[in-house]
PDB file of N, CA and C in Angstrom:
ATOM      1  N   ILE A   1       0.835  -1.199   0.000  1.00  0.00           N
ATOM      2  CA  ILE A   1       0.000   0.000   0.000  1.00  0.00           C
ATOM      3  C   ILE A   1       0.873   1.254   0.000  1.00  0.00           C
ATOM      4  N   HIS A   2       2.006   1.205   0.644  1.00  0.00           N
ATOM      5  CA  HIS A   2       2.900   2.364   0.667  1.00  0.00           C
ATOM      6  C   HIS A   2       3.292   2.765  -0.757  1.00  0.00           C
ATOM      7  N   GLY A   3       3.531   1.788  -1.605  1.00  0.00           N
ATOM      8  CA  GLY A   3       3.887   2.075  -2.996  1.00  0.00           C
ATOM      9  C   GLY A   3       2.769   2.781  -3.741  1.00  0.00           C
ATOM     10  N   ASN A   4       1.523   2.406  -3.452  1.00  0.00           N
ATOM     11  CA  ASN A   4       0.376   3.061  -4.089  1.00  0.00           C
ATOM     12  C   ASN A   4       0.300   4.537  -3.709  1.00  0.00           C
ATOM     13  N   ILE A   5       0.556   4.816  -2.451  1.00  0.00           N
ATOM     14  CA  ILE A   5       0.517   6.202  -1.982  1.00  0.00           C
ATOM     15  C   ILE A   5       1.622   7.009  -2.651  1.00  0.00           C
ATOM     16  N   GLN A   6       2.805   6.423  -2.719  1.00  0.00           N
ATOM     17  CA  GLN A   6       3.925   7.104  -3.365  1.00  0.00           C
ATOM     18  C   GLN A   6       3.635   7.334  -4.852  1.00  0.00           C
ATOM     19  N   ALA A   7       3.083   6.342  -5.512  1.00  0.00           N
ATOM     20  CA  ALA A   7       2.745   6.478  -6.933  1.00  0.00           C
ATOM     21  C   ALA A   7       1.701   7.568  -7.140  1.00  0.00           C
ATOM     22  N   THR A   8       0.704   7.625  -6.279  1.00  0.00           N
ATOM     23  CA  THR A   8      -0.333   8.652  -6.381  1.00  0.00           C
ATOM     24  C   THR A   8       0.275  10.042  -6.248  1.00  0.00           C
ATOM     25  N   ARG A   9       1.169  10.210  -5.294  1.00  0.00           N
ATOM     26  CA  ARG A   9       1.826  11.514  -5.110  1.00  0.00           C
ATOM     27  C   ARG A   9       2.644  11.890  -6.341  1.00  0.00           C
ATOM     28  N   ARG A  10       3.336  10.919  -6.902  1.00  0.00           N
ATOM     29  CA  ARG A  10       4.148  11.197  -8.091  1.00  0.00           C
ATOM     30  C   ARG A  10       3.277  11.574  -9.286  1.00  0.00           C
ATOM     31  N   VAL A  11       2.163  10.891  -9.430  1.00  0.00           N
ATOM     32  CA  VAL A  11       1.248  11.208 -10.532  1.00  0.00           C
ATOM     33  C   VAL A  11       0.662  12.605 -10.336  1.00  0.00           C
ATOM     34  N   GLN A  12       0.287  12.941  -9.108  1.00  0.00           N
ATOM     35  CA  GLN A  12      -0.236  14.281  -8.841  1.00  0.00           C
ATOM     36  C   GLN A  12       0.797  15.347  -9.197  1.00  0.00           C
ATOM     37  N   HIS A  13       2.043  15.096  -8.842  1.00  0.00           N
ATOM     38  CA  HIS A  13       3.116  16.044  -9.167  1.00  0.00           C
ATOM     39  C   HIS A  13       3.308  16.140 -10.683  1.00  0.00           C
ATOM     40  N   ALA A  14       3.318  15.004 -11.346  1.00  0.00           N
ATOM     41  CA  ALA A  14       3.491  14.990 -12.807  1.00  0.00           C
ATOM     42  C   ALA A  14       2.345  15.719 -13.498  1.00  0.00           C
ATOM     43  N   LYS A  15       1.117  15.570 -12.975  1.00  0.00           N
ATOM     44  CA  LYS A  15      -0.031  16.264 -13.561  1.00  0.00           C
ATOM     45  C   LYS A  15       0.148  17.781 -13.464  1.00  0.00           C
ATOM     46  N   LYS A  16       0.669  18.241 -12.331  1.00  0.00           N
ATOM     47  CA  LYS A  16       0.927  19.677 -12.166  1.00  0.00           C
ATOM     48  C   LYS A  16       1.977  20.152 -13.172  1.00  0.00           C
ATOM     49  N   LEU A  17       3.021  19.344 -13.346  1.00  0.00           N
ATOM     50  CA  LEU A  17       4.059  19.708 -14.311  1.00  0.00           C
ATOM     51  C   LEU A  17       3.500  19.758 -15.730  1.00  0.00           C
ATOM     52  N   LEU A  18       2.666  18.791 -16.078  1.00  0.00           N
ATOM     53  CA  LEU A  18       2.052  18.785 -17.406  1.00  0.00           C
ATOM     54  C   LEU A  18       1.195  20.029 -17.614  1.00  0.00           C
ATOM     55  N   ASP A  19       0.478  20.439 -16.575  1.00  0.00           N
ATOM     56  CA  ASP A  19      -0.308  21.672 -16.667  1.00  0.00           C
ATOM     57  C   ASP A  19       0.604  22.882 -16.879  1.00  0.00           C
ATOM     58  N   GLU A  20       1.715  22.917 -16.154  1.00  0.00           N
ATOM     59  CA  GLU A  20       2.633  24.052 -16.246  1.00  0.00           C
ATOM     60  C   GLU A  20       3.243  24.210 -17.638  1.00  0.00           C
ATOM     61  N   VAL A  21       3.523  23.094 -18.300  1.00  0.00           N
ATOM     62  CA  VAL A  21       4.145  23.180 -19.629  1.00  0.00           C
ATOM     63  C   VAL A  21       3.118  23.245 -20.751  1.00  0.00           C
ATOM     64  N   GLY A  22       1.843  23.210 -20.404  1.00  0.00           N
ATOM     65  CA  GLY A  22       0.802  23.372 -21.400  1.00  0.00           C
ATOM     66  C   GLY A  22       0.284  22.098 -22.036  1.00  0.00           C
ATOM     67  N   LEU A  23       0.663  20.958 -21.504  1.00  0.00           N
ATOM     68  CA  LEU A  23       0.171  19.692 -22.059  1.00  0.00           C
ATOM     69  C   LEU A  23      -1.149  19.254 -21.437  1.00  0.00           C
ATOM     70  N   GLY A  24      -1.429  19.692 -20.242  1.00  0.00           N
ATOM     71  CA  GLY A  24      -2.665  19.321 -19.572  1.00  0.00           C
ATOM     72  C   GLY A  24      -2.501  18.100 -18.690  1.00  0.00           C
ATOM     73  N   GLY A  25      -2.635  18.302 -17.410  1.00  0.00           N
ATOM     74  CA  GLY A  25      -2.513  17.219 -16.450  1.00  0.00           C
ATOM     75  C   GLY A  25      -3.590  16.166 -16.580  1.00  0.00           C
ATOM     76  N   ASP A  26      -4.689  16.510 -17.237  1.00  0.00           N
ATOM     77  CA  ASP A  26      -5.774  15.541 -17.417  1.00  0.00           C
ATOM     78  C   ASP A  26      -5.387  14.411 -18.362  1.00  0.00           C
ATOM     79  N   ARG A  27      -4.270  14.548 -19.026  1.00  0.00           N
ATOM     80  CA  ARG A  27      -3.801  13.490 -19.928  1.00  0.00           C
ATOM     81  C   ARG A  27      -3.163  12.332 -19.162  1.00  0.00           C
ATOM     82  N   LEU A  28      -2.981  12.499 -17.873  1.00  0.00           N
ATOM     83  CA  LEU A  28      -2.345  11.482 -17.039  1.00  0.00           C
ATOM     84  C   LEU A  28      -3.287  11.094 -15.916  1.00  0.00           C
ATOM     85  N   GLU A  29      -3.389   9.821 -15.647  1.00  0.00           N
ATOM     86  CA  GLU A  29      -4.245   9.328 -14.564  1.00  0.00           C
ATOM     87  C   GLU A  29      -3.647   8.040 -14.032  1.00  0.00           C
ATOM     88  N   ILE A  30      -3.971   7.731 -12.800  1.00  0.00           N
ATOM     89  CA  ILE A  30      -3.549   6.471 -12.202  1.00  0.00           C
ATOM     90  C   ILE A  30      -4.804   5.711 -11.787  1.00  0.00           C
ATOM     91  N   PHE A  31      -4.813   4.448 -12.095  1.00  0.00           N
ATOM     92  CA  PHE A  31      -5.927   3.576 -11.737  1.00  0.00           C
ATOM     93  C   PHE A  31      -5.368   2.407 -10.940  1.00  0.00           C
ATOM     94  N   TYR A  32      -6.116   1.947  -9.966  1.00  0.00           N
ATOM     95  CA  TYR A  32      -5.697   0.801  -9.161  1.00  0.00           C
ATOM     96  C   TYR A  32      -6.626  -0.362  -9.423  1.00  0.00           C
ATOM     97  N   MET A  33      -6.033  -1.515  -9.714  1.00  0.00           N
ATOM     98  CA  MET A  33      -6.818  -2.728  -9.937  1.00  0.00           C
ATOM     99  C   MET A  33      -5.886  -3.923  -9.863  1.00  0.00           C
ATOM    100  N   SER A  34      -6.466  -5.079  -9.684  1.00  0.00           N
ATOM    101  CA  SER A  34      -5.675  -6.310  -9.674  1.00  0.00           C
ATOM    102  C   SER A  34      -5.743  -6.956 -11.052  1.00  0.00           C
ATOM    103  N   GLY A  35      -4.922  -7.975 -11.241  1.00  0.00           N
ATOM    104  CA  GLY A  35      -4.865  -8.652 -12.531  1.00  0.00           C
ATOM    105  C   GLY A  35      -6.171  -9.301 -12.945  1.00  0.00           C
ATOM    106  N   GLY A  36      -7.004  -9.639 -11.995  1.00  0.00           N
ATOM    107  CA  GLY A  36      -8.262 -10.306 -12.303  1.00  0.00           C
ATOM    108  C   GLY A  36      -9.424  -9.365 -12.569  1.00  0.00           C
ATOM    109  N   GLN A  37      -9.163  -8.098 -12.663  1.00  0.00           N
ATOM    110  CA  GLN A  37     -10.236  -7.123 -12.857  1.00  0.00           C
ATOM    111  C   GLN A  37     -10.257  -6.616 -14.297  1.00  0.00           C
ATOM    112  N   GLY A  38     -10.501  -7.526 -15.199  1.00  0.00           N
ATOM    113  CA  GLY A  38     -10.523  -7.173 -16.618  1.00  0.00           C
ATOM    114  C   GLY A  38     -11.556  -6.121 -16.954  1.00  0.00           C
ATOM    115  N   GLY A  39     -12.724  -6.218 -16.342  1.00  0.00           N
ATOM    116  CA  GLY A  39     -13.777  -5.230 -16.591  1.00  0.00           C
ATOM    117  C   GLY A  39     -13.383  -3.849 -16.101  1.00  0.00           C
ATOM    118  N   THR A  40     -12.727  -3.812 -14.951  1.00  0.00           N
ATOM    119  CA  THR A  40     -12.256  -2.537 -14.407  1.00  0.00           C
ATOM    120  C   THR A  40     -11.204  -1.927 -15.321  1.00  0.00           C
ATOM    121  N   PHE A  41     -10.320  -2.776 -15.833  1.00  0.00           N
ATOM    122  CA  PHE A  41      -9.296  -2.300 -16.765  1.00  0.00           C
ATOM    123  C   PHE A  41      -9.945  -1.734 -18.028  1.00  0.00           C
ATOM    124  N   ALA A  42     -10.912  -2.461 -18.567  1.00  0.00           N
ATOM    125  CA  ALA A  42     -11.596  -2.007 -19.784  1.00  0.00           C
ATOM    126  C   ALA A  42     -12.274  -0.657 -19.546  1.00  0.00           C
ATOM    127  N   ASN A  43     -12.889  -0.486 -18.391  1.00  0.00           N
ATOM    128  CA  ASN A  43     -13.535   0.791 -18.069  1.00  0.00           C
ATOM    129  C   ASN A  43     -12.509   1.917 -17.946  1.00  0.00           C
ATOM    130  N   ALA A  44     -11.359   1.612 -17.363  1.00  0.00           N
ATOM    131  CA  ALA A  44     -10.305   2.621 -17.233  1.00  0.00           C
ATOM    132  C   ALA A  44      -9.817   3.054 -18.613  1.00  0.00           C
ATOM    133  N   VAL A  45      -9.656   2.096 -19.506  1.00  0.00           N
ATOM    134  CA  VAL A  45      -9.224   2.420 -20.868  1.00  0.00           C
ATOM    135  C   VAL A  45     -10.272   3.285 -21.558  1.00  0.00           C
ATOM    136  N   LYS A  46     -11.539   2.914 -21.434  1.00  0.00           N
ATOM    137  CA  LYS A  46     -12.616   3.706 -22.045  1.00  0.00           C
ATOM    138  C   LYS A  46     -12.627   5.129 -21.498  1.00  0.00           C
ATOM    139  N   THR A  47     -12.462   5.247 -20.190  1.00  0.00           N
ATOM    140  CA  THR A  47     -12.438   6.562 -19.555  1.00  0.00           C
ATOM    141  C   THR A  47     -11.334   7.428 -20.130  1.00  0.00           C
ATOM    142  N   MET A  48     -10.145   6.865 -20.249  1.00  0.00           N
ATOM    143  CA  MET A  48      -9.017   7.643 -20.756  1.00  0.00           C
ATOM    144  C   MET A  48      -9.150   7.950 -22.244  1.00  0.00           C
ATOM    145  N   VAL A  49      -9.659   7.018 -23.020  1.00  0.00           N
ATOM    146  CA  VAL A  49      -9.850   7.274 -24.451  1.00  0.00           C
ATOM    147  C   VAL A  49     -10.837   8.425 -24.643  1.00  0.00           C
ATOM    148  N   GLU A  50     -11.938   8.404 -23.903  1.00  0.00           N
ATOM    149  CA  GLU A  50     -12.928   9.483 -24.000  1.00  0.00           C
ATOM    150  C   GLU A  50     -12.318  10.817 -23.578  1.00  0.00           C
ATOM    151  N   ARG A  51     -11.549  10.793 -22.508  1.00  0.00           N
ATOM    152  CA  ARG A  51     -10.936  12.025 -22.010  1.00  0.00           C
ATOM    153  C   ARG A  51      -9.951  12.598 -23.027  1.00  0.00           C
ATOM    154  N   ILE A  52      -9.112  11.747 -23.576  1.00  0.00           N
ATOM    155  CA  ILE A  52      -8.111  12.206 -24.545  1.00  0.00           C
ATOM    156  C   ILE A  52      -8.779  12.733 -25.815  1.00  0.00           C
ATOM    157  N   LYS A  53      -9.852  12.076 -26.245  1.00  0.00           N
ATOM    158  CA  LYS A  53     -10.576  12.573 -27.423  1.00  0.00           C
ATOM    159  C   LYS A  53     -11.107  13.978 -27.172  1.00  0.00           C
ATOM    160  N   LYS A  54     -11.630  14.222 -25.965  1.00  0.00           N
ATOM    161  CA  LYS A  54     -12.153  15.544 -25.626  1.00  0.00           C
ATOM    162  C   LYS A  54     -11.031  16.581 -25.561  1.00  0.00           C
ATOM    163  N   LEU A  55      -9.866  16.165 -25.068  1.00  0.00           N
ATOM    164  CA  LEU A  55      -8.740  17.087 -24.940  1.00  0.00           C
ATOM    165  C   LEU A  55      -8.112  17.421 -26.287  1.00  0.00           C
ATOM    166  N   GLY A  56      -8.214  16.497 -27.217  1.00  0.00           N
ATOM    167  CA  GLY A  56      -7.637  16.724 -28.540  1.00  0.00           C
ATOM    168  C   GLY A  56      -6.154  16.402 -28.585  1.00  0.00           C
ATOM    169  N   PRO A  57      -5.528  16.736 -29.710  1.00  0.00           N
ATOM    170  CA  PRO A  57      -4.115  16.404 -29.891  1.00  0.00           C
ATOM    171  C   PRO A  57      -3.203  17.195 -28.953  1.00  0.00           C
ATOM    172  N   ASN A  58      -1.988  16.746 -28.859  1.00  0.00           N
ATOM    173  CA  ASN A  58      -0.962  17.397 -28.064  1.00  0.00           C
ATOM    174  C   ASN A  58      -0.866  18.870 -28.481  1.00  0.00           C
ATOM    175  N   PRO A  59      -1.131  19.793 -27.569  1.00  0.00           N
ATOM    176  CA  PRO A  59      -1.128  21.208 -27.944  1.00  0.00           C
ATOM    177  C   PRO A  59       0.262  21.755 -28.268  1.00  0.00           C
ATOM    178  N   LEU A  60       1.298  21.053 -27.896  1.00  0.00           N
ATOM    179  CA  LEU A  60       2.656  21.523 -28.176  1.00  0.00           C
ATOM    180  C   LEU A  60       3.224  20.945 -29.464  1.00  0.00           C
ATOM    181  N   LYS A  61       2.555  19.954 -30.016  1.00  0.00           N
ATOM    182  CA  LYS A  61       3.082  19.243 -31.184  1.00  0.00           C
ATOM    183  C   LYS A  61       3.303  20.164 -32.377  1.00  0.00           C
ATOM    184  N   ASN A  62       2.344  20.994 -32.667  1.00  0.00           N
ATOM    185  CA  ASN A  62       2.428  21.868 -33.841  1.00  0.00           C
ATOM    186  C   ASN A  62       2.647  23.329 -33.470  1.00  0.00           C
ATOM    187  N   GLY A  63       3.131  23.544 -32.272  1.00  0.00           N
ATOM    188  CA  GLY A  63       3.396  24.914 -31.855  1.00  0.00           C
ATOM    189  C   GLY A  63       2.156  25.714 -31.551  1.00  0.00           C
ATOM    190  N   THR A  64       1.077  25.035 -31.165  1.00  0.00           N
ATOM    191  CA  THR A  64      -0.168  25.745 -30.872  1.00  0.00           C
ATOM    192  C   THR A  64      -0.396  25.920 -29.381  1.00  0.00           C
ATOM    193  N   GLY A  65       0.518  25.424 -28.566  1.00  0.00           N
ATOM    194  CA  GLY A  65       0.361  25.494 -27.118  1.00  0.00           C
ATOM    195  C   GLY A  65       0.696  26.865 -26.568  1.00  0.00           C
ATOM    196  N   PRO A  66       0.516  27.035 -25.259  1.00  0.00           N
ATOM    197  CA  PRO A  66       0.720  28.328 -24.621  1.00  0.00           C
ATOM    198  C   PRO A  66       2.168  28.812 -24.644  1.00  0.00           C
ATOM    199  N   ARG A  67       3.114  27.906 -24.832  1.00  0.00           N
ATOM    200  CA  ARG A  67       4.519  28.313 -24.835  1.00  0.00           C
ATOM    201  C   ARG A  67       5.058  28.529 -26.239  1.00  0.00           C
ATOM    202  N   SER A  68       4.204  28.524 -27.241  1.00  0.00           N
ATOM    203  CA  SER A  68       4.648  28.695 -28.631  1.00  0.00           C
ATOM    204  C   SER A  68       5.004  30.137 -28.893  1.00  0.00           C
TER     205      SER A  68
END
């Protein structure tokens, strides 16, 4: 469990960094599940695919981001 807490903190920090550079912290998420939770995994994938579609392409890829 200690590793999960540490991973969560690292992801939260990385999300802040992504926001700061203009990529959007919402592009990163952490999900917890065991190997036998195939349905949970599928739902996590669906959640992230929907989120990324809404966010659109990488805003820094073509120089359209805030730091361009």
